[in-house]
Amino acid sequence: MPPFGRRHQSPSSRICGLRVAPCVATIYALPRSVNEAIAYYEAQGGVHLADRFEAELRLGLAAIKAGPTHFPSYNKDPIFRRARLENFPYVIVFREKPGVVRVTVIRHDRRHPLYGMKRK
């Protein structure tokens, strides 16, 4: 089970349900930023809204894992791709490497397009 969410506060470097290639790997800071977004939605709309956000984020990560090449490039950069959440103003920016999909940033649409892109 992925590390983000109200019940999982410890950071981790992997978001993988099953160990099937490609795995979706994240950087260390992502679970914290996702937890902050979940806490915001819980404060604004209650547990139900926070659960909807978390479920949609998991669906987005599962879709990336299933077919990373189906997503468009991000910011005209052929290395990075993006997946938009359907009902929330968030974008998952990732890149594909052999056997792993690395999530670079999960950012709000109102953030600058280069926010978080310097992360390795």
N, C-alpha and C. Protein backbone atom coordinates (compact mmCIF):
# COMPACT_ATOMS: atom_id res chain seq x y z
N MET A 1 0.84 -1.17 0.00
CA MET A 1 0.00 0.00 0.00
C MET A 1 0.89 1.24 0.00
N PRO A 2 0.61 2.23 -0.83
CA PRO A 2 1.43 3.43 -0.90
C PRO A 2 1.50 4.15 0.44
N PRO A 3 2.57 4.91 0.67
CA PRO A 3 2.81 5.53 1.96
C PRO A 3 1.99 6.77 2.24
N PHE A 4 1.34 7.37 1.26
CA PHE A 4 0.62 8.59 1.55
C PHE A 4 -0.76 8.29 2.09
N GLY A 5 -1.37 9.31 2.64
CA GLY A 5 -2.68 9.18 3.24
C GLY A 5 -2.63 9.49 4.71
N ARG A 6 -3.77 9.72 5.29
CA ARG A 6 -3.82 10.09 6.70
C ARG A 6 -3.35 8.96 7.61
N ARG A 7 -3.48 7.74 7.19
CA ARG A 7 -3.12 6.61 8.03
C ARG A 7 -1.66 6.21 7.86
N HIS A 8 -0.97 6.79 6.88
CA HIS A 8 0.41 6.41 6.58
C HIS A 8 1.26 7.67 6.57
N GLN A 9 1.95 7.96 7.64
CA GLN A 9 2.70 9.20 7.73
C GLN A 9 4.19 9.03 7.46
N SER A 10 4.70 7.79 7.39
CA SER A 10 6.13 7.62 7.17
C SER A 10 6.46 7.67 5.69
N PRO A 11 7.48 8.46 5.30
CA PRO A 11 7.84 8.57 3.89
C PRO A 11 8.49 7.29 3.38
N SER A 12 8.33 7.07 2.09
CA SER A 12 8.91 5.90 1.46
C SER A 12 9.36 6.29 0.07
N SER A 13 10.14 5.44 -0.57
CA SER A 13 10.64 5.78 -1.89
C SER A 13 9.92 5.02 -3.00
N ARG A 14 8.94 4.17 -2.66
CA ARG A 14 8.26 3.41 -3.69
C ARG A 14 6.75 3.47 -3.52
N ILE A 15 6.06 3.61 -4.65
CA ILE A 15 4.62 3.48 -4.66
C ILE A 15 4.33 2.33 -5.60
N CYS A 16 4.27 1.13 -5.05
CA CYS A 16 4.04 -0.08 -5.83
C CYS A 16 3.04 -0.95 -5.10
N GLY A 17 1.97 -1.30 -5.74
CA GLY A 17 1.06 -2.26 -5.15
C GLY A 17 1.65 -3.64 -5.30
N LEU A 18 1.83 -4.05 -6.51
CA LEU A 18 2.45 -5.33 -6.82
C LEU A 18 3.82 -5.05 -7.42
N ARG A 19 4.74 -5.90 -7.21
CA ARG A 19 6.09 -5.71 -7.75
C ARG A 19 6.13 -6.17 -9.20
N VAL A 20 5.41 -5.48 -10.04
CA VAL A 20 5.35 -5.80 -11.46
C VAL A 20 5.97 -4.64 -12.21
N ALA A 21 6.83 -4.92 -13.16
CA ALA A 21 7.47 -3.85 -13.93
C ALA A 21 6.46 -3.23 -14.88
N PRO A 22 6.46 -1.95 -15.13
CA PRO A 22 7.32 -1.02 -14.43
C PRO A 22 6.74 -0.64 -13.08
N CYS A 23 7.61 -0.45 -12.12
CA CYS A 23 7.22 0.00 -10.80
C CYS A 23 7.16 1.53 -10.85
N VAL A 24 6.33 2.12 -10.02
CA VAL A 24 6.26 3.58 -9.95
C VAL A 24 7.06 4.00 -8.73
N ALA A 25 8.21 4.63 -8.96
CA ALA A 25 9.08 5.09 -7.88
C ALA A 25 8.91 6.59 -7.72
N THR A 26 9.00 7.06 -6.49
CA THR A 26 8.88 8.49 -6.22
C THR A 26 10.10 8.97 -5.47
N ILE A 27 10.23 10.28 -5.40
CA ILE A 27 11.30 10.84 -4.59
C ILE A 27 10.82 10.95 -3.15
N TYR A 28 11.74 11.17 -2.24
CA TYR A 28 11.46 11.16 -0.82
C TYR A 28 10.41 12.20 -0.41
N ALA A 29 10.42 13.39 -1.01
CA ALA A 29 9.55 14.49 -0.57
C ALA A 29 8.10 14.34 -1.03
N LEU A 30 7.82 13.49 -2.00
CA LEU A 30 6.45 13.40 -2.51
C LEU A 30 5.41 12.97 -1.50
N PRO A 31 5.63 11.91 -0.72
CA PRO A 31 4.58 11.54 0.24
C PRO A 31 4.20 12.67 1.18
N ARG A 32 5.16 13.49 1.58
CA ARG A 32 4.86 14.62 2.46
C ARG A 32 3.96 15.64 1.76
N SER A 33 4.27 15.97 0.51
CA SER A 33 3.46 16.95 -0.20
C SER A 33 2.06 16.41 -0.49
N VAL A 34 1.96 15.11 -0.76
CA VAL A 34 0.65 14.51 -0.97
C VAL A 34 -0.14 14.51 0.33
N ASN A 35 0.51 14.21 1.44
CA ASN A 35 -0.17 14.25 2.74
C ASN A 35 -0.68 15.65 3.05
N GLU A 36 0.09 16.68 2.66
CA GLU A 36 -0.36 18.05 2.87
C GLU A 36 -1.61 18.35 2.04
N ALA A 37 -1.65 17.86 0.80
CA ALA A 37 -2.83 18.06 -0.04
C ALA A 37 -4.04 17.33 0.54
N ILE A 38 -3.82 16.12 1.02
CA ILE A 38 -4.91 15.35 1.62
C ILE A 38 -5.42 16.06 2.87
N ALA A 39 -4.52 16.57 3.69
CA ALA A 39 -4.92 17.31 4.89
C ALA A 39 -5.72 18.55 4.52
N TYR A 40 -5.32 19.24 3.46
CA TYR A 40 -6.05 20.42 3.00
C TYR A 40 -7.47 20.05 2.59
N TYR A 41 -7.61 19.00 1.77
CA TYR A 41 -8.96 18.61 1.34
C TYR A 41 -9.80 18.10 2.50
N GLU A 42 -9.18 17.47 3.47
CA GLU A 42 -9.93 17.03 4.65
C GLU A 42 -10.42 18.23 5.46
N ALA A 43 -9.59 19.27 5.58
CA ALA A 43 -10.00 20.47 6.31
C ALA A 43 -11.07 21.25 5.57
N GLN A 44 -10.99 21.27 4.24
CA GLN A 44 -11.94 22.05 3.45
C GLN A 44 -13.27 21.34 3.24
N GLY A 45 -13.22 20.03 2.99
CA GLY A 45 -14.45 19.33 2.61
C GLY A 45 -14.73 18.07 3.40
N GLY A 46 -13.91 17.77 4.36
CA GLY A 46 -14.13 16.59 5.19
C GLY A 46 -13.40 15.36 4.66
N VAL A 47 -13.57 14.29 5.40
CA VAL A 47 -12.88 13.03 5.09
C VAL A 47 -13.28 12.50 3.72
N HIS A 48 -14.54 12.67 3.35
CA HIS A 48 -15.00 12.14 2.06
C HIS A 48 -14.24 12.77 0.90
N LEU A 49 -14.05 14.08 0.92
CA LEU A 49 -13.32 14.77 -0.15
C LEU A 49 -11.85 14.33 -0.17
N ALA A 50 -11.25 14.22 1.00
CA ALA A 50 -9.85 13.76 1.07
C ALA A 50 -9.72 12.34 0.53
N ASP A 51 -10.67 11.48 0.86
CA ASP A 51 -10.64 10.11 0.34
C ASP A 51 -10.81 10.07 -1.18
N ARG A 52 -11.65 10.95 -1.71
CA ARG A 52 -11.82 11.03 -3.17
C ARG A 52 -10.53 11.46 -3.85
N PHE A 53 -9.85 12.45 -3.26
CA PHE A 53 -8.57 12.90 -3.82
C PHE A 53 -7.55 11.76 -3.80
N GLU A 54 -7.43 11.09 -2.67
CA GLU A 54 -6.47 10.00 -2.55
C GLU A 54 -6.79 8.87 -3.53
N ALA A 55 -8.07 8.53 -3.68
CA ALA A 55 -8.47 7.47 -4.62
C ALA A 55 -8.14 7.87 -6.06
N GLU A 56 -8.39 9.12 -6.41
CA GLU A 56 -8.10 9.56 -7.77
C GLU A 56 -6.60 9.61 -8.03
N LEU A 57 -5.83 9.97 -7.04
CA LEU A 57 -4.38 9.96 -7.17
C LEU A 57 -3.88 8.53 -7.38
N ARG A 58 -4.41 7.58 -6.64
CA ARG A 58 -4.04 6.18 -6.82
C ARG A 58 -4.42 5.67 -8.21
N LEU A 59 -5.59 6.09 -8.70
CA LEU A 59 -5.99 5.70 -10.06
C LEU A 59 -5.02 6.27 -11.09
N GLY A 60 -4.61 7.51 -10.90
CA GLY A 60 -3.66 8.12 -11.81
C GLY A 60 -2.33 7.39 -11.82
N LEU A 61 -1.85 7.01 -10.64
CA LEU A 61 -0.59 6.27 -10.55
C LEU A 61 -0.73 4.88 -11.18
N ALA A 62 -1.88 4.26 -11.00
CA ALA A 62 -2.11 2.94 -11.61
C ALA A 62 -2.15 3.05 -13.12
N ALA A 63 -2.77 4.12 -13.64
CA ALA A 63 -2.81 4.32 -15.09
C ALA A 63 -1.41 4.56 -15.65
N ILE A 64 -0.60 5.30 -14.92
CA ILE A 64 0.78 5.53 -15.34
C ILE A 64 1.54 4.21 -15.36
N LYS A 65 1.35 3.42 -14.33
CA LYS A 65 2.02 2.13 -14.25
C LYS A 65 1.61 1.21 -15.38
N ALA A 66 0.33 1.24 -15.75
CA ALA A 66 -0.19 0.36 -16.80
C ALA A 66 0.30 0.77 -18.20
N GLY A 67 0.44 2.06 -18.44
CA GLY A 67 0.85 2.49 -19.78
C GLY A 67 1.47 3.86 -19.77
N PRO A 68 2.71 3.99 -19.32
CA PRO A 68 3.32 5.32 -19.22
C PRO A 68 3.47 6.04 -20.55
N THR A 69 3.56 5.31 -21.65
CA THR A 69 3.74 5.97 -22.94
C THR A 69 2.44 6.54 -23.50
N HIS A 70 1.32 6.29 -22.87
CA HIS A 70 0.04 6.81 -23.33
C HIS A 70 -0.20 8.26 -22.92
N PHE A 71 0.69 8.81 -22.13
CA PHE A 71 0.50 10.17 -21.63
C PHE A 71 1.33 11.16 -22.44
N PRO A 72 0.84 12.41 -22.56
CA PRO A 72 1.56 13.41 -23.37
C PRO A 72 2.82 13.90 -22.66
N SER A 73 3.70 14.49 -23.46
CA SER A 73 4.92 15.05 -22.88
C SER A 73 4.56 16.26 -22.04
N TYR A 74 5.47 16.60 -21.15
CA TYR A 74 5.23 17.71 -20.23
C TYR A 74 6.14 18.87 -20.59
N ASN A 75 5.54 20.03 -20.77
CA ASN A 75 6.29 21.27 -20.99
C ASN A 75 7.24 21.16 -22.19
N LYS A 76 6.82 20.47 -23.23
CA LYS A 76 7.57 20.29 -24.47
C LYS A 76 8.92 19.59 -24.26
N ASP A 77 8.99 18.80 -23.22
CA ASP A 77 10.21 18.06 -22.90
C ASP A 77 9.94 16.58 -23.18
N PRO A 78 10.67 15.95 -24.09
CA PRO A 78 10.38 14.55 -24.43
C PRO A 78 10.71 13.56 -23.31
N ILE A 79 11.47 13.96 -22.33
CA ILE A 79 11.83 13.06 -21.23
C ILE A 79 10.68 12.92 -20.24
N PHE A 80 9.99 14.02 -19.97
CA PHE A 80 8.94 14.03 -18.96
C PHE A 80 7.56 13.90 -19.59
N ARG A 81 6.67 13.24 -18.86
CA ARG A 81 5.27 13.09 -19.27
C ARG A 81 4.39 13.55 -18.12
N ARG A 82 3.12 13.79 -18.42
CA ARG A 82 2.20 14.26 -17.37
C ARG A 82 0.89 13.50 -17.43
N ALA A 83 0.30 13.35 -16.26
CA ALA A 83 -1.03 12.78 -16.14
C ALA A 83 -1.83 13.72 -15.25
N ARG A 84 -2.95 14.19 -15.76
CA ARG A 84 -3.80 15.09 -14.99
C ARG A 84 -4.83 14.28 -14.21
N LEU A 85 -5.10 14.73 -12.99
CA LEU A 85 -6.19 14.13 -12.25
C LEU A 85 -7.49 14.69 -12.82
N GLU A 86 -8.49 13.86 -12.90
CA GLU A 86 -9.72 14.24 -13.58
C GLU A 86 -10.54 15.28 -12.82
N ASN A 87 -10.69 15.11 -11.52
CA ASN A 87 -11.58 15.98 -10.75
C ASN A 87 -10.87 16.91 -9.77
N PHE A 88 -9.55 16.90 -9.78
CA PHE A 88 -8.78 17.75 -8.88
C PHE A 88 -7.71 18.46 -9.71
N PRO A 89 -7.33 19.68 -9.32
CA PRO A 89 -6.36 20.45 -10.11
C PRO A 89 -4.91 20.06 -9.84
N TYR A 90 -4.60 18.79 -10.05
CA TYR A 90 -3.24 18.29 -9.84
C TYR A 90 -2.74 17.58 -11.07
N VAL A 91 -1.41 17.64 -11.26
CA VAL A 91 -0.74 16.99 -12.37
C VAL A 91 0.36 16.11 -11.79
N ILE A 92 0.47 14.88 -12.30
CA ILE A 92 1.55 13.99 -11.92
C ILE A 92 2.57 14.05 -13.04
N VAL A 93 3.77 14.52 -12.75
CA VAL A 93 4.84 14.61 -13.74
C VAL A 93 5.80 13.46 -13.48
N PHE A 94 6.11 12.71 -14.54
CA PHE A 94 6.95 11.52 -14.38
C PHE A 94 7.83 11.33 -15.60
N ARG A 95 8.79 10.44 -15.46
CA ARG A 95 9.63 10.04 -16.58
C ARG A 95 9.82 8.53 -16.52
N GLU A 96 10.01 7.95 -17.66
CA GLU A 96 10.16 6.49 -17.75
C GLU A 96 11.63 6.15 -17.91
N LYS A 97 12.06 5.20 -17.10
CA LYS A 97 13.41 4.65 -17.20
C LYS A 97 13.25 3.15 -17.37
N PRO A 98 14.28 2.43 -17.75
CA PRO A 98 14.16 0.98 -17.92
C PRO A 98 13.66 0.29 -16.64
N GLY A 99 12.48 -0.28 -16.71
CA GLY A 99 11.92 -1.04 -15.60
C GLY A 99 11.28 -0.22 -14.49
N VAL A 100 11.30 1.10 -14.60
CA VAL A 100 10.74 1.93 -13.53
C VAL A 100 10.18 3.22 -14.13
N VAL A 101 9.10 3.69 -13.55
CA VAL A 101 8.55 5.00 -13.87
C VAL A 101 8.79 5.86 -12.65
N ARG A 102 9.51 6.94 -12.82
CA ARG A 102 9.87 7.80 -11.68
C ARG A 102 9.00 9.03 -11.67
N VAL A 103 8.22 9.18 -10.61
CA VAL A 103 7.38 10.36 -10.44
C VAL A 103 8.27 11.48 -9.91
N THR A 104 8.33 12.57 -10.67
CA THR A 104 9.18 13.69 -10.30
C THR A 104 8.45 14.63 -9.35
N VAL A 105 7.20 14.95 -9.67
CA VAL A 105 6.44 15.89 -8.83
C VAL A 105 4.95 15.65 -9.04
N ILE A 106 4.22 15.85 -7.99
CA ILE A 106 2.76 15.91 -8.06
C ILE A 106 2.44 17.34 -7.66
N ARG A 107 2.03 18.14 -8.65
CA ARG A 107 1.90 19.57 -8.39
C ARG A 107 0.51 20.08 -8.70
N HIS A 108 0.14 21.14 -8.01
CA HIS A 108 -1.13 21.82 -8.23
C HIS A 108 -1.02 22.60 -9.54
N ASP A 109 -2.13 22.70 -10.27
CA ASP A 109 -2.13 23.40 -11.56
C ASP A 109 -1.72 24.87 -11.45
N ARG A 110 -1.93 25.50 -10.32
CA ARG A 110 -1.59 26.91 -10.19
C ARG A 110 -0.12 27.16 -9.87
N ARG A 111 0.62 26.11 -9.64
CA ARG A 111 2.06 26.27 -9.40
C ARG A 111 2.76 26.53 -10.73
N HIS A 112 3.93 27.11 -10.65
CA HIS A 112 4.72 27.36 -11.85
C HIS A 112 5.02 26.02 -12.54
N PRO A 113 4.99 25.97 -13.88
CA PRO A 113 5.22 24.71 -14.59
C PRO A 113 6.56 24.04 -14.28
N LEU A 114 7.54 24.80 -13.84
CA LEU A 114 8.85 24.21 -13.53
C LEU A 114 8.99 23.83 -12.05
N TYR A 115 7.92 24.02 -11.26
CA TYR A 115 7.96 23.66 -9.84
C TYR A 115 8.30 22.19 -9.66
N GLY A 116 9.34 21.93 -8.89
CA GLY A 116 9.74 20.56 -8.58
C GLY A 116 10.52 19.85 -9.66
N MET A 117 10.80 20.48 -10.78
CA MET A 117 11.46 19.81 -11.89
C MET A 117 12.96 19.64 -11.69
N LYS A 118 13.53 20.29 -10.70
CA LYS A 118 14.97 20.12 -10.44
C LYS A 118 15.25 18.91 -9.58
N ARG A 119 14.19 18.25 -9.13
CA ARG A 119 14.38 17.04 -8.33
C ARG A 119 14.95 15.95 -9.21
N LYS A 120 15.84 15.17 -8.69
CA LYS A 120 16.50 14.11 -9.47
C LYS A 120 15.68 12.85 -9.48
